[in-house]
Amino acid sequence: MSEASIPVPKASRQVQFHQLLVSARKTWLIDALSKALTRVDQRQLKSQLLKFVPADAQKILAAAGIRDEHVFPTPVLLEAAPALVGYYRLLLGLPQKIFYGGGTGMGPFKNMEMKGTLREQTRALLPAFCKAMNAALADLVRQILPRVTARDISELPLLTLGSFFQGANNVKIGKQATLGVFLLLFELVQSHVSEHTDRKITVRNAAGRIVTLSLGSDPDVSIEEDVSGKIRRKVALEIKGGTDQSNAHNRAGEAEKSHQKARDQGYRDFWTLIAKHGLNMARLTSESPTTRSWFDVAQVLAREGKDWEEFRSRIAEAVGIPLNQISPRGSRK
């Protein structure tokens, strides 16, 4: 058989998986945990670990050189980064459908993982959540033979995450990318946030005006400012999470339809986040002439690259926050 006759599938699916992986690193994996650990009171964290983690499991981790919080959740850590519910769920190896299914009692914590929000009534349940999760995670630590290693802790979540990616179709990929960008926006403006819900971030900017960032559809994300009681619709963002180059122009066409609707609603600026690598940008621009700014969604989700720096700067400008008060640039480890 000649080499030319061997049919090798394209890498497009794996490229899509990588895009999701980059986003997951910032919300559900060790990068997100490491960042959250810089924001919590270490004395309070240590006190809660002693309270919520079985002593024998702590000894096993100490012998393996693994930090307790890399395996066991505590209320103070989940308050700092609610999406880390996903980190501990993945470490336990449970798909979302099972973990949040009826009868588990985990339903109230789903918004923490998926939207990074923590309601007051859920906050009161965190001690019970940590106690239940830590009992199950302690069994995991005890049963891994010959002994648990740091590599086990870093790689076990990927097994369950991979299954999620495998089951994700293009709609889910796009939805996950949109949620990833919305969580990122909260991260950028969090020092000025006055209110935060599942679908809305309210900011008081440097001029004292109220700016709202909303998650929706047509547009995927909007930025609006209250100017003396009048709502100024500033920016409409469309987020296209797919990476299949052959379908990129369809995604651009979808963005154009949404931007036209947003323009009719009074929005003034139109941004599209899309996987730009390998695309003919001149052609893409012709397919969405309403888009005024194009950003590479992979760079934005990864918090690195020229498009990420530009996106971060433009968000500061649109919201009305000095760039030096926007959350520092991320780094992919």
Protein backbone atom coordinates (compact mmCIF):
# COMPACT_ATOMS: atom_id res chain seq x y z
CA MET A 1 0.00 0.00 0.00
CA SER A 2 1.44 3.39 -0.96
CA GLU A 3 1.73 6.21 1.56
CA ALA A 4 -0.68 8.35 -0.46
CA SER A 5 -3.46 5.79 -0.05
CA ILE A 6 -3.41 5.74 3.75
CA PRO A 7 -6.37 7.85 4.95
CA VAL A 8 -5.34 9.78 8.07
CA PRO A 9 -8.11 11.78 9.79
CA LYS A 10 -7.53 15.51 10.21
CA ALA A 11 -6.37 16.97 13.52
CA SER A 12 -9.31 19.37 13.78
CA ARG A 13 -10.99 17.50 16.66
CA GLN A 14 -7.79 17.45 18.71
CA VAL A 15 -7.32 21.17 18.05
CA GLN A 16 -10.83 21.73 19.41
CA PHE A 17 -9.97 19.63 22.45
CA HIS A 18 -6.87 21.73 23.02
CA GLN A 19 -8.95 24.90 22.99
CA LEU A 20 -11.21 23.41 25.66
CA LEU A 21 -8.17 22.21 27.62
CA VAL A 22 -6.68 25.72 27.65
CA SER A 23 -9.95 27.07 29.04
CA ALA A 24 -10.20 24.25 31.60
CA ARG A 25 -6.70 24.99 32.88
CA LYS A 26 -7.91 28.39 34.01
CA THR A 27 -11.11 27.16 35.67
CA TRP A 28 -10.95 23.47 36.65
CA LEU A 29 -7.32 22.34 36.64
CA ILE A 30 -4.14 22.96 38.63
CA ASP A 31 -3.47 26.43 37.13
CA ALA A 32 -6.77 27.66 38.56
CA LEU A 33 -6.05 26.06 41.94
CA SER A 34 -2.56 27.58 42.11
CA LYS A 35 -3.92 31.04 41.36
CA ALA A 36 -6.67 30.73 43.97
CA LEU A 37 -4.11 29.71 46.60
CA THR A 38 -2.42 33.10 46.25
CA ARG A 39 -5.66 34.82 47.27
CA VAL A 40 -6.60 32.91 50.43
CA ASP A 41 -5.52 33.43 54.02
CA GLN A 42 -2.99 30.65 54.55
CA ARG A 43 -3.64 30.40 58.29
CA GLN A 44 -7.36 29.95 57.69
CA LEU A 45 -6.64 27.42 54.96
CA LYS A 46 -4.37 25.40 57.24
CA SER A 47 -6.94 25.49 60.03
CA GLN A 48 -9.69 24.21 57.71
CA LEU A 49 -7.49 21.48 56.28
CA LEU A 50 -6.91 20.18 59.82
CA LYS A 51 -10.65 20.29 60.42
CA PHE A 52 -11.94 18.78 57.17
CA VAL A 53 -9.23 16.32 56.06
CA PRO A 54 -8.89 12.85 57.64
CA ALA A 55 -5.57 12.63 59.51
CA ASP A 56 -4.47 9.35 57.91
CA ALA A 57 -4.98 10.80 54.42
CA GLN A 58 -2.90 13.84 55.39
CA LYS A 59 -0.05 11.53 56.43
CA ILE A 60 -0.20 9.68 53.10
CA LEU A 61 0.00 12.95 51.18
CA ALA A 62 2.82 14.28 53.37
CA ALA A 63 4.86 11.13 52.68
CA ALA A 64 4.27 11.64 48.94
CA GLY A 65 5.16 15.35 49.05
CA ILE A 66 1.65 16.42 47.95
CA ARG A 67 -0.05 19.49 49.41
CA ASP A 68 -3.35 18.69 51.13
CA GLU A 69 -5.27 21.37 49.20
CA HIS A 70 -4.26 19.75 45.89
CA VAL A 71 -6.56 16.88 46.85
CA PHE A 72 -9.03 18.20 49.41
CA PRO A 73 -11.37 21.22 49.14
CA THR A 74 -11.98 23.68 51.98
CA PRO A 75 -14.66 26.38 52.27
CA VAL A 76 -12.16 29.25 52.18
CA LEU A 77 -10.65 27.99 48.92
CA LEU A 78 -14.02 27.47 47.23
CA GLU A 79 -15.14 30.93 48.33
CA ALA A 80 -12.07 32.38 46.63
CA ALA A 81 -12.61 30.38 43.42
CA PRO A 82 -16.06 28.72 43.21
CA ALA A 83 -15.28 27.04 39.86
CA LEU A 84 -12.77 24.79 41.67
CA VAL A 85 -15.70 22.54 42.51
CA GLY A 86 -14.92 21.21 39.01
CA TYR A 87 -11.28 20.51 39.96
CA TYR A 88 -12.25 18.25 42.85
CA ARG A 89 -15.08 16.62 40.89
CA LEU A 90 -12.66 15.71 38.10
CA LEU A 91 -10.11 14.40 40.58
CA LEU A 92 -12.79 12.12 41.97
CA GLY A 93 -13.51 10.93 38.41
CA LEU A 94 -17.21 11.78 38.25
CA PRO A 95 -18.87 13.17 35.09
CA GLN A 96 -21.16 16.17 35.56
CA LYS A 97 -24.27 14.12 34.76
CA ILE A 98 -23.57 11.72 37.61
CA PHE A 99 -22.14 14.25 40.06
CA TYR A 100 -25.04 16.70 39.76
CA GLY A 101 -27.71 14.08 39.11
CA GLY A 102 -30.79 13.63 41.25
CA GLY A 103 -30.19 12.05 44.62
CA THR A 104 -26.56 13.16 45.02
CA GLY A 105 -27.32 16.44 46.74
CA MET A 106 -24.71 18.19 44.63
CA GLY A 107 -27.13 20.20 42.48
CA PRO A 108 -26.71 23.47 44.44
CA PHE A 109 -22.98 23.50 43.61
CA LYS A 110 -23.32 23.28 39.81
CA ASN A 111 -23.38 27.04 39.27
CA MET A 112 -20.15 27.31 41.24
CA GLU A 113 -18.38 25.06 38.75
CA MET A 114 -20.02 26.22 35.55
CA LYS A 115 -20.37 29.96 36.18
CA GLY A 116 -17.93 30.72 38.97
CA THR A 117 -20.65 32.17 41.21
CA LEU A 118 -21.44 31.50 44.86
CA ARG A 119 -24.87 32.31 46.26
CA GLU A 120 -25.24 33.01 49.96
CA GLN A 121 -27.49 30.00 50.49
CA THR A 122 -24.87 27.81 48.83
CA ARG A 123 -22.06 29.34 50.90
CA ALA A 124 -23.74 27.96 54.01
CA LEU A 125 -23.55 24.45 52.50
CA LEU A 126 -19.80 24.52 51.82
CA PRO A 127 -18.73 22.84 55.09
CA ALA A 128 -21.07 19.91 54.39
CA PHE A 129 -19.85 19.74 50.79
CA CYS A 130 -16.20 19.64 51.86
CA LYS A 131 -16.87 17.00 54.50
CA ALA A 132 -18.63 14.74 51.98
CA MET A 133 -16.09 15.28 49.19
CA ASN A 134 -13.12 14.79 51.49
CA ALA A 135 -14.42 11.47 52.75
CA ALA A 136 -14.60 10.22 49.15
CA LEU A 137 -11.25 11.74 48.18
CA ALA A 138 -9.60 10.24 51.27
CA ASP A 139 -10.74 6.80 50.07
CA LEU A 140 -9.16 7.56 46.70
CA VAL A 141 -5.85 8.44 48.37
CA ARG A 142 -5.93 5.29 50.51
CA GLN A 143 -6.73 2.94 47.65
CA ILE A 144 -4.16 4.09 45.06
CA LEU A 145 -1.33 1.56 45.21
CA PRO A 146 1.52 1.24 45.82
CA ARG A 147 1.10 4.90 46.83
CA VAL A 148 -0.37 8.06 45.41
CA THR A 149 2.01 10.40 43.56
CA ALA A 150 1.90 14.03 42.47
CA ARG A 151 1.69 12.80 38.88
CA ASP A 152 -1.45 10.82 39.75
CA ILE A 153 -3.08 13.95 41.14
CA SER A 154 -2.23 16.00 38.06
CA GLU A 155 -3.25 13.37 35.50
CA LEU A 156 -6.32 11.65 36.99
CA PRO A 157 -8.62 14.65 36.31
CA LEU A 158 -7.69 14.50 32.63
CA LEU A 159 -9.28 11.05 32.26
CA THR A 160 -12.73 12.39 33.13
CA LEU A 161 -12.14 15.67 31.33
CA GLY A 162 -11.21 13.74 28.18
CA SER A 163 -14.52 11.89 28.27
CA PHE A 164 -16.33 15.21 28.50
CA PHE A 165 -14.42 16.53 25.49
CA GLN A 166 -15.15 13.35 23.56
CA GLY A 167 -18.84 13.79 24.10
CA ALA A 168 -18.79 17.48 23.26
CA ASN A 169 -20.24 18.49 19.92
CA ASN A 170 -19.66 21.85 18.26
CA VAL A 171 -22.52 23.49 20.14
CA LYS A 172 -21.09 22.42 23.50
CA ILE A 173 -17.61 23.51 22.47
CA GLY A 174 -18.91 26.96 21.57
CA LYS A 175 -20.91 27.19 24.78
CA GLN A 176 -17.90 26.18 26.87
CA ALA A 177 -15.74 28.79 25.13
CA THR A 178 -18.35 31.47 25.88
CA LEU A 179 -18.48 30.51 29.56
CA GLY A 180 -14.69 30.52 29.65
CA VAL A 181 -14.55 34.06 28.28
CA PHE A 182 -17.23 35.26 30.72
CA LEU A 183 -15.27 33.85 33.68
CA LEU A 184 -12.19 35.57 32.27
CA LEU A 185 -14.02 38.91 32.12
CA PHE A 186 -14.90 38.61 35.80
CA GLU A 187 -11.25 37.84 36.52
CA LEU A 188 -10.15 40.99 34.67
CA VAL A 189 -12.53 43.45 36.36
CA GLN A 190 -12.97 41.79 39.75
CA SER A 191 -11.30 44.62 41.70
CA HIS A 192 -14.16 46.93 40.62
CA VAL A 193 -17.09 44.47 40.78
CA SER A 194 -20.04 45.59 42.90
CA GLU A 195 -22.39 42.70 42.04
CA HIS A 196 -21.91 39.34 40.34
CA THR A 197 -24.52 36.79 39.28
CA ASP A 198 -24.52 33.79 36.94
CA ARG A 199 -25.14 35.97 33.91
CA LYS A 200 -24.25 39.50 34.90
CA ILE A 201 -21.21 41.36 36.23
CA THR A 202 -21.80 44.87 37.54
CA VAL A 203 -18.82 47.21 37.80
CA ARG A 204 -18.37 50.75 39.11
CA ASN A 205 -15.73 52.23 36.83
CA ALA A 206 -13.14 54.95 37.42
CA ALA A 207 -15.68 57.67 36.56
CA GLY A 208 -18.15 56.29 39.10
CA ARG A 209 -20.51 55.00 36.40
CA ILE A 210 -22.19 51.60 36.46
CA VAL A 211 -21.04 49.24 33.70
CA THR A 212 -22.76 45.90 33.12
CA LEU A 213 -21.24 42.87 31.39
CA SER A 214 -23.99 40.38 30.54
CA LEU A 215 -23.94 36.81 29.27
CA GLY A 216 -26.67 36.12 26.73
CA SER A 217 -27.28 35.40 23.08
CA ASP A 218 -27.19 37.86 20.17
CA PRO A 219 -24.77 39.05 21.46
CA ASP A 220 -23.02 36.34 23.47
CA VAL A 221 -21.64 39.00 25.82
CA SER A 222 -22.63 42.67 25.99
CA ILE A 223 -21.06 45.67 27.70
CA GLU A 224 -23.39 48.53 28.65
CA GLU A 225 -22.80 51.73 30.62
CA ASP A 226 -25.27 53.82 32.61
CA VAL A 227 -24.60 57.48 31.75
CA SER A 228 -26.78 59.78 33.85
CA GLY A 229 -29.63 57.26 33.80
CA LYS A 230 -29.35 56.52 30.10
CA ILE A 231 -28.04 53.12 29.00
CA ARG A 232 -25.24 53.31 26.45
CA ARG A 233 -24.80 50.01 24.61
CA LYS A 234 -21.06 50.01 24.07
CA VAL A 235 -19.80 46.60 22.92
CA ALA A 236 -21.32 43.39 21.51
CA LEU A 237 -19.03 40.33 21.69
CA GLU A 238 -19.55 37.18 19.63
CA ILE A 239 -17.55 34.12 20.73
CA LYS A 240 -16.98 31.28 18.27
CA GLY A 241 -15.27 28.33 19.92
CA GLY A 242 -14.90 25.88 17.04
CA THR A 243 -11.54 25.31 15.34
CA ASP A 244 -12.43 23.46 12.13
CA GLN A 245 -11.00 25.75 9.45
CA SER A 246 -13.42 24.49 6.80
CA ASN A 247 -16.32 25.74 8.93
CA ALA A 248 -14.74 29.01 10.03
CA HIS A 249 -16.53 31.07 7.41
CA ASN A 250 -19.90 29.74 8.57
CA ARG A 251 -18.98 30.85 12.08
CA ALA A 252 -18.07 34.29 10.75
CA GLY A 253 -21.45 34.45 9.01
CA GLU A 254 -23.21 33.56 12.26
CA ALA A 255 -21.27 36.31 14.04
CA GLU A 256 -22.33 38.79 11.35
CA LYS A 257 -26.03 37.98 11.80
CA SER A 258 -25.74 38.50 15.54
CA HIS A 259 -23.80 41.75 15.15
CA GLN A 260 -26.41 43.10 12.73
CA LYS A 261 -29.09 42.46 15.37
CA ALA A 262 -26.91 44.14 18.00
CA ARG A 263 -26.36 47.13 15.73
CA ASP A 264 -30.12 47.48 15.34
CA GLN A 265 -30.38 47.43 19.14
CA GLY A 266 -28.02 50.37 19.39
CA TYR A 267 -24.65 48.80 20.15
CA ARG A 268 -21.68 50.88 18.98
CA ASP A 269 -18.77 48.44 18.73
CA PHE A 270 -18.63 44.82 17.58
CA TRP A 271 -15.96 42.25 18.48
CA THR A 272 -15.64 38.65 17.32
CA LEU A 273 -13.51 36.05 19.12
CA ILE A 274 -12.66 33.17 16.77
CA ALA A 275 -9.81 30.74 16.14
CA LYS A 276 -7.81 32.87 13.67
CA HIS A 277 -4.84 30.58 13.06
CA GLY A 278 -4.50 29.59 9.41
CA LEU A 279 -7.46 31.67 8.25
CA ASN A 280 -7.63 34.23 5.48
CA MET A 281 -8.53 37.29 7.54
CA ALA A 282 -9.40 39.36 4.48
CA ARG A 283 -12.03 36.80 3.53
CA LEU A 284 -13.21 36.52 7.11
CA THR A 285 -13.60 40.29 7.31
CA SER A 286 -15.68 40.28 4.15
CA GLU A 287 -18.01 37.70 5.70
CA SER A 288 -18.57 39.80 8.82
CA PRO A 289 -18.08 43.43 7.82
CA THR A 290 -19.85 44.59 10.98
CA THR A 291 -17.08 43.12 13.15
CA ARG A 292 -14.69 45.94 13.98
CA SER A 293 -12.21 43.92 16.05
CA TRP A 294 -11.12 40.30 15.66
CA PHE A 295 -9.45 38.42 18.52
CA ASP A 296 -7.99 34.93 18.51
CA VAL A 297 -10.15 33.01 20.98
CA ALA A 298 -7.35 30.52 21.73
CA GLN A 299 -5.01 33.31 22.80
CA VAL A 300 -7.69 34.96 24.92
CA LEU A 301 -8.58 31.72 26.72
CA ALA A 302 -4.88 30.96 27.25
CA ARG A 303 -4.22 34.51 28.60
CA GLU A 304 -1.18 34.93 26.40
CA GLY A 305 -0.23 36.32 23.00
CA LYS A 306 -0.68 39.58 21.11
CA ASP A 307 -4.48 39.21 20.80
CA TRP A 308 -4.79 38.55 24.53
CA GLU A 309 -2.85 41.71 25.37
CA GLU A 310 -5.01 43.72 22.96
CA PHE A 311 -8.23 42.18 24.33
CA ARG A 312 -7.22 42.96 27.90
CA SER A 313 -6.43 46.57 26.95
CA ARG A 314 -9.70 47.00 25.05
CA ILE A 315 -11.75 45.62 27.96
CA ALA A 316 -10.12 48.18 30.26
CA GLU A 317 -11.05 50.92 27.78
CA ALA A 318 -14.62 49.69 27.25
CA VAL A 319 -15.37 49.28 30.94
CA GLY A 320 -13.58 52.47 31.96
CA ILE A 321 -10.94 51.03 34.28
CA PRO A 322 -7.26 52.03 34.08
CA LEU A 323 -5.24 49.21 32.57
CA ASN A 324 -3.03 49.00 35.64
CA GLN A 325 -6.16 48.18 37.69
CA ILE A 326 -7.19 45.33 35.40
CA SER A 327 -6.22 41.90 36.72
CA PRO A 328 -2.62 41.11 35.69
CA ARG A 329 -2.03 39.02 32.61
CA GLY A 330 -2.32 35.28 33.06
CA SER A 331 0.33 32.76 32.19
CA ARG A 332 -0.08 29.25 30.93
CA LYS A 333 2.01 26.73 32.80
